[in-house]
Amino acid sequence: MVTLTPITIDNTTFTAVSVELPKTNLLAVYNDKGYIMCGALDVGLLNERLRDRQIIAARAVGVRTIQQLLDAPLESVTYEAERLGITKGMIGKDALLKMI
């Protein structure tokens, strides 16, 4: 099942996506600028092979719900996310606010 839910953080609306798969879930929260995602995101691929696309993204690991994704420290971030001031260890919802 795929679930899309609007989420408001500090008066800014983002979209949360949850994809239920056998034995795991894929989780992401995004706006038109970038996104945070669960451990399925391959930041290395985005940084190296897709660098010319300038993708703003960050990854949190060990999360099982959208709320955990919002509250978790980021494990890795893309180069473009770093340009916005998004850093490893930053909480997911704080990273999203930098994407406004």
N, C-alpha and C. Protein backbone atom coordinates (compact mmCIF):
# COMPACT_ATOMS: atom_id res chain seq x y z
N MET A 1 0.83 -1.17 0.00
CA MET A 1 0.00 0.00 0.00
C MET A 1 0.89 1.25 0.00
N VAL A 2 0.47 2.27 -0.72
CA VAL A 2 1.17 3.54 -0.77
C VAL A 2 0.28 4.59 -0.10
N THR A 3 0.86 5.35 0.84
CA THR A 3 0.12 6.38 1.55
C THR A 3 0.81 7.72 1.35
N LEU A 4 0.05 8.73 0.92
CA LEU A 4 0.53 10.10 0.80
C LEU A 4 -0.21 10.94 1.84
N THR A 5 0.56 11.68 2.64
CA THR A 5 -0.03 12.48 3.71
C THR A 5 0.63 13.84 3.74
N PRO A 6 -0.17 14.93 3.77
CA PRO A 6 0.45 16.24 3.96
C PRO A 6 0.89 16.40 5.41
N ILE A 7 2.06 17.00 5.60
CA ILE A 7 2.61 17.25 6.94
C ILE A 7 3.00 18.72 7.01
N THR A 8 2.60 19.39 8.08
CA THR A 8 2.95 20.79 8.25
C THR A 8 4.00 20.93 9.33
N ILE A 9 5.09 21.61 9.00
CA ILE A 9 6.17 21.90 9.94
C ILE A 9 6.39 23.40 9.89
N ASP A 10 6.20 24.08 11.02
CA ASP A 10 6.36 25.54 11.07
C ASP A 10 5.65 26.25 9.92
N ASN A 11 4.39 25.93 9.73
CA ASN A 11 3.53 26.57 8.72
C ASN A 11 3.95 26.28 7.28
N THR A 12 4.77 25.27 7.06
CA THR A 12 5.16 24.86 5.72
C THR A 12 4.69 23.43 5.50
N THR A 13 4.05 23.20 4.36
CA THR A 13 3.50 21.88 4.08
C THR A 13 4.47 21.06 3.22
N PHE A 14 4.68 19.84 3.66
CA PHE A 14 5.48 18.84 2.94
C PHE A 14 4.57 17.65 2.67
N THR A 15 5.01 16.74 1.82
CA THR A 15 4.27 15.51 1.56
C THR A 15 5.05 14.33 2.11
N ALA A 16 4.38 13.50 2.89
CA ALA A 16 4.98 12.27 3.41
C ALA A 16 4.49 11.09 2.58
N VAL A 17 5.42 10.21 2.22
CA VAL A 17 5.10 9.03 1.43
C VAL A 17 5.56 7.80 2.21
N SER A 18 4.67 6.86 2.33
CA SER A 18 5.01 5.59 2.97
C SER A 18 4.59 4.47 2.02
N VAL A 19 5.55 3.60 1.69
CA VAL A 19 5.27 2.46 0.82
C VAL A 19 5.49 1.19 1.63
N GLU A 20 4.41 0.46 1.86
CA GLU A 20 4.51 -0.78 2.62
C GLU A 20 4.93 -1.91 1.68
N LEU A 21 6.06 -2.51 1.99
CA LEU A 21 6.59 -3.64 1.23
C LEU A 21 6.72 -4.83 2.15
N PRO A 22 6.88 -6.02 1.63
CA PRO A 22 7.10 -7.18 2.50
C PRO A 22 8.34 -6.96 3.38
N LYS A 23 8.17 -7.02 4.66
CA LYS A 23 9.23 -6.96 5.66
C LYS A 23 9.89 -5.60 5.82
N THR A 24 9.40 -4.56 5.12
CA THR A 24 9.99 -3.23 5.28
C THR A 24 9.03 -2.17 4.76
N ASN A 25 9.33 -0.93 5.06
CA ASN A 25 8.61 0.22 4.52
C ASN A 25 9.61 1.18 3.91
N LEU A 26 9.22 1.84 2.84
CA LEU A 26 10.00 2.94 2.28
C LEU A 26 9.33 4.22 2.74
N LEU A 27 10.11 5.14 3.30
CA LEU A 27 9.57 6.37 3.87
C LEU A 27 10.29 7.57 3.28
N ALA A 28 9.54 8.61 2.95
CA ALA A 28 10.13 9.85 2.46
C ALA A 28 9.22 11.02 2.82
N VAL A 29 9.83 12.19 3.02
CA VAL A 29 9.09 13.43 3.20
C VAL A 29 9.74 14.44 2.26
N TYR A 30 8.93 15.14 1.46
CA TYR A 30 9.51 16.00 0.42
C TYR A 30 8.70 17.26 0.18
N ASN A 31 9.34 18.19 -0.50
CA ASN A 31 8.67 19.34 -1.11
C ASN A 31 9.26 19.48 -2.51
N ASP A 32 9.01 20.60 -3.16
CA ASP A 32 9.49 20.76 -4.53
C ASP A 32 11.00 20.98 -4.63
N LYS A 33 11.67 21.15 -3.50
CA LYS A 33 13.11 21.42 -3.50
C LYS A 33 13.97 20.18 -3.19
N GLY A 34 13.50 19.33 -2.26
CA GLY A 34 14.30 18.18 -1.86
C GLY A 34 13.53 17.24 -0.95
N TYR A 35 14.25 16.31 -0.34
CA TYR A 35 13.59 15.31 0.49
C TYR A 35 14.53 14.66 1.50
N ILE A 36 13.88 14.08 2.53
CA ILE A 36 14.58 13.18 3.45
C ILE A 36 13.95 11.81 3.25
N MET A 37 14.74 10.77 3.50
CA MET A 37 14.25 9.42 3.24
C MET A 37 14.86 8.44 4.22
N CYS A 38 14.27 7.26 4.29
CA CYS A 38 14.78 6.20 5.14
C CYS A 38 16.09 5.64 4.57
N GLY A 39 16.59 4.59 5.20
CA GLY A 39 17.87 4.00 4.83
C GLY A 39 17.96 3.44 3.43
N ALA A 40 16.85 3.33 2.71
CA ALA A 40 16.88 2.82 1.34
C ALA A 40 17.53 3.81 0.37
N LEU A 41 17.65 5.06 0.76
CA LEU A 41 18.25 6.08 -0.11
C LEU A 41 19.75 5.86 -0.25
N ASP A 42 20.24 5.87 -1.46
CA ASP A 42 21.66 5.70 -1.72
C ASP A 42 22.29 7.07 -1.98
N VAL A 43 22.75 7.72 -0.92
CA VAL A 43 23.33 9.06 -1.03
C VAL A 43 24.59 9.03 -1.90
N GLY A 44 25.39 7.99 -1.79
CA GLY A 44 26.59 7.87 -2.61
C GLY A 44 26.27 7.91 -4.09
N LEU A 45 25.22 7.22 -4.51
CA LEU A 45 24.81 7.24 -5.91
C LEU A 45 24.41 8.65 -6.33
N LEU A 46 23.64 9.33 -5.48
CA LEU A 46 23.21 10.69 -5.82
C LEU A 46 24.40 11.63 -5.92
N ASN A 47 25.39 11.46 -5.04
CA ASN A 47 26.56 12.34 -5.05
C ASN A 47 27.50 12.05 -6.21
N GLU A 48 27.67 10.82 -6.57
CA GLU A 48 28.68 10.47 -7.57
C GLU A 48 28.11 10.35 -8.98
N ARG A 49 27.16 9.49 -9.18
CA ARG A 49 26.67 9.23 -10.54
C ARG A 49 25.63 10.23 -11.01
N LEU A 50 24.91 10.84 -10.08
CA LEU A 50 23.85 11.76 -10.46
C LEU A 50 24.16 13.19 -10.00
N ARG A 51 25.42 13.46 -9.79
CA ARG A 51 25.85 14.75 -9.25
C ARG A 51 25.36 15.93 -10.09
N ASP A 52 25.31 15.76 -11.39
CA ASP A 52 24.90 16.85 -12.28
C ASP A 52 23.43 17.23 -12.08
N ARG A 53 22.65 16.39 -11.44
CA ARG A 53 21.24 16.69 -11.18
C ARG A 53 21.06 17.59 -9.95
N GLN A 54 22.10 17.73 -9.16
CA GLN A 54 22.09 18.60 -7.97
C GLN A 54 20.91 18.30 -7.05
N ILE A 55 20.79 17.05 -6.65
CA ILE A 55 19.68 16.58 -5.83
C ILE A 55 19.93 16.94 -4.36
N ILE A 56 18.93 17.54 -3.75
CA ILE A 56 18.96 17.89 -2.34
C ILE A 56 18.23 16.78 -1.59
N ALA A 57 18.99 15.98 -0.84
CA ALA A 57 18.40 14.83 -0.16
C ALA A 57 19.24 14.45 1.05
N ALA A 58 18.60 13.76 1.98
CA ALA A 58 19.29 13.29 3.18
C ALA A 58 18.66 11.97 3.63
N ARG A 59 19.43 11.20 4.37
CA ARG A 59 19.01 9.85 4.76
C ARG A 59 19.12 9.66 6.26
N ALA A 60 18.09 9.05 6.83
CA ALA A 60 18.11 8.62 8.23
C ALA A 60 17.93 7.10 8.24
N VAL A 61 18.66 6.43 9.09
CA VAL A 61 18.58 4.96 9.14
C VAL A 61 17.88 4.50 10.42
N GLY A 62 17.34 3.29 10.36
CA GLY A 62 16.70 2.70 11.53
C GLY A 62 15.32 3.26 11.84
N VAL A 63 14.69 3.92 10.87
CA VAL A 63 13.36 4.49 11.11
C VAL A 63 12.29 3.60 10.50
N ARG A 64 11.15 3.55 11.17
CA ARG A 64 10.06 2.69 10.71
C ARG A 64 8.75 3.44 10.47
N THR A 65 8.72 4.72 10.87
CA THR A 65 7.53 5.54 10.68
C THR A 65 7.95 6.92 10.19
N ILE A 66 6.98 7.65 9.66
CA ILE A 66 7.25 9.02 9.22
C ILE A 66 7.68 9.87 10.42
N GLN A 67 7.03 9.72 11.56
CA GLN A 67 7.41 10.52 12.72
C GLN A 67 8.85 10.22 13.14
N GLN A 68 9.25 8.98 13.11
CA GLN A 68 10.65 8.65 13.42
C GLN A 68 11.59 9.29 12.41
N LEU A 69 11.21 9.31 11.14
CA LEU A 69 12.03 9.95 10.11
C LEU A 69 12.20 11.44 10.40
N LEU A 70 11.14 12.09 10.80
CA LEU A 70 11.20 13.52 11.13
C LEU A 70 12.08 13.80 12.34
N ASP A 71 12.08 12.87 13.30
CA ASP A 71 12.80 13.08 14.56
C ASP A 71 14.22 12.52 14.57
N ALA A 72 14.58 11.74 13.57
CA ALA A 72 15.87 11.05 13.57
C ALA A 72 17.01 11.95 13.12
N PRO A 73 18.20 11.71 13.66
CA PRO A 73 19.38 12.41 13.13
C PRO A 73 19.73 11.84 11.75
N LEU A 74 20.18 12.70 10.88
CA LEU A 74 20.54 12.27 9.53
C LEU A 74 21.88 11.56 9.53
N GLU A 75 21.95 10.46 8.81
CA GLU A 75 23.15 9.64 8.73
C GLU A 75 24.04 10.09 7.58
N SER A 76 23.43 10.59 6.50
CA SER A 76 24.19 11.07 5.35
C SER A 76 23.36 12.08 4.58
N VAL A 77 24.06 12.97 3.87
CA VAL A 77 23.40 14.03 3.09
C VAL A 77 24.12 14.20 1.75
N THR A 78 23.41 14.68 0.76
CA THR A 78 24.04 14.93 -0.53
C THR A 78 24.86 16.22 -0.47
N TYR A 79 25.73 16.38 -1.45
CA TYR A 79 26.54 17.60 -1.53
C TYR A 79 25.65 18.83 -1.66
N GLU A 80 24.59 18.72 -2.43
CA GLU A 80 23.67 19.86 -2.62
C GLU A 80 22.95 20.19 -1.32
N ALA A 81 22.63 19.19 -0.52
CA ALA A 81 22.01 19.44 0.78
C ALA A 81 22.99 20.18 1.70
N GLU A 82 24.26 19.78 1.65
CA GLU A 82 25.27 20.46 2.46
C GLU A 82 25.37 21.94 2.09
N ARG A 83 25.18 22.26 0.83
CA ARG A 83 25.22 23.66 0.39
C ARG A 83 24.13 24.50 1.04
N LEU A 84 23.03 23.85 1.43
CA LEU A 84 21.93 24.55 2.11
C LEU A 84 22.13 24.60 3.62
N GLY A 85 23.19 23.98 4.11
CA GLY A 85 23.43 23.95 5.55
C GLY A 85 22.89 22.72 6.24
N ILE A 86 22.48 21.73 5.48
CA ILE A 86 22.00 20.46 6.03
C ILE A 86 23.22 19.59 6.30
N THR A 87 23.33 19.07 7.52
CA THR A 87 24.51 18.32 7.92
C THR A 87 24.15 16.98 8.53
N LYS A 88 25.12 16.08 8.53
CA LYS A 88 24.96 14.81 9.24
C LYS A 88 24.68 15.11 10.70
N GLY A 89 23.78 14.35 11.29
CA GLY A 89 23.43 14.54 12.69
C GLY A 89 22.26 15.49 12.90
N MET A 90 21.95 16.31 11.91
CA MET A 90 20.81 17.22 12.00
C MET A 90 19.53 16.39 12.04
N ILE A 91 18.53 16.85 12.76
CA ILE A 91 17.24 16.17 12.84
C ILE A 91 16.50 16.35 11.51
N GLY A 92 15.77 15.32 11.08
CA GLY A 92 15.09 15.33 9.80
C GLY A 92 14.21 16.54 9.57
N LYS A 93 13.37 16.89 10.54
CA LYS A 93 12.47 18.03 10.32
C LYS A 93 13.23 19.35 10.20
N ASP A 94 14.38 19.47 10.87
CA ASP A 94 15.18 20.68 10.74
C ASP A 94 15.78 20.77 9.34
N ALA A 95 16.16 19.63 8.78
CA ALA A 95 16.68 19.60 7.41
C ALA A 95 15.60 20.02 6.43
N LEU A 96 14.38 19.54 6.63
CA LEU A 96 13.30 19.94 5.73
C LEU A 96 13.07 21.44 5.75
N LEU A 97 13.16 22.04 6.92
CA LEU A 97 12.97 23.49 7.00
C LEU A 97 14.04 24.27 6.26
N LYS A 98 15.22 23.69 6.09
CA LYS A 98 16.27 24.33 5.29
C LYS A 98 15.96 24.24 3.80
N MET A 99 15.01 23.39 3.43
CA MET A 99 14.64 23.20 2.03
C MET A 99 13.50 24.12 1.59
N ILE A 100 13.14 25.07 2.43
CA ILE A 100 12.04 25.97 2.08
C ILE A 100 12.55 27.02 1.08
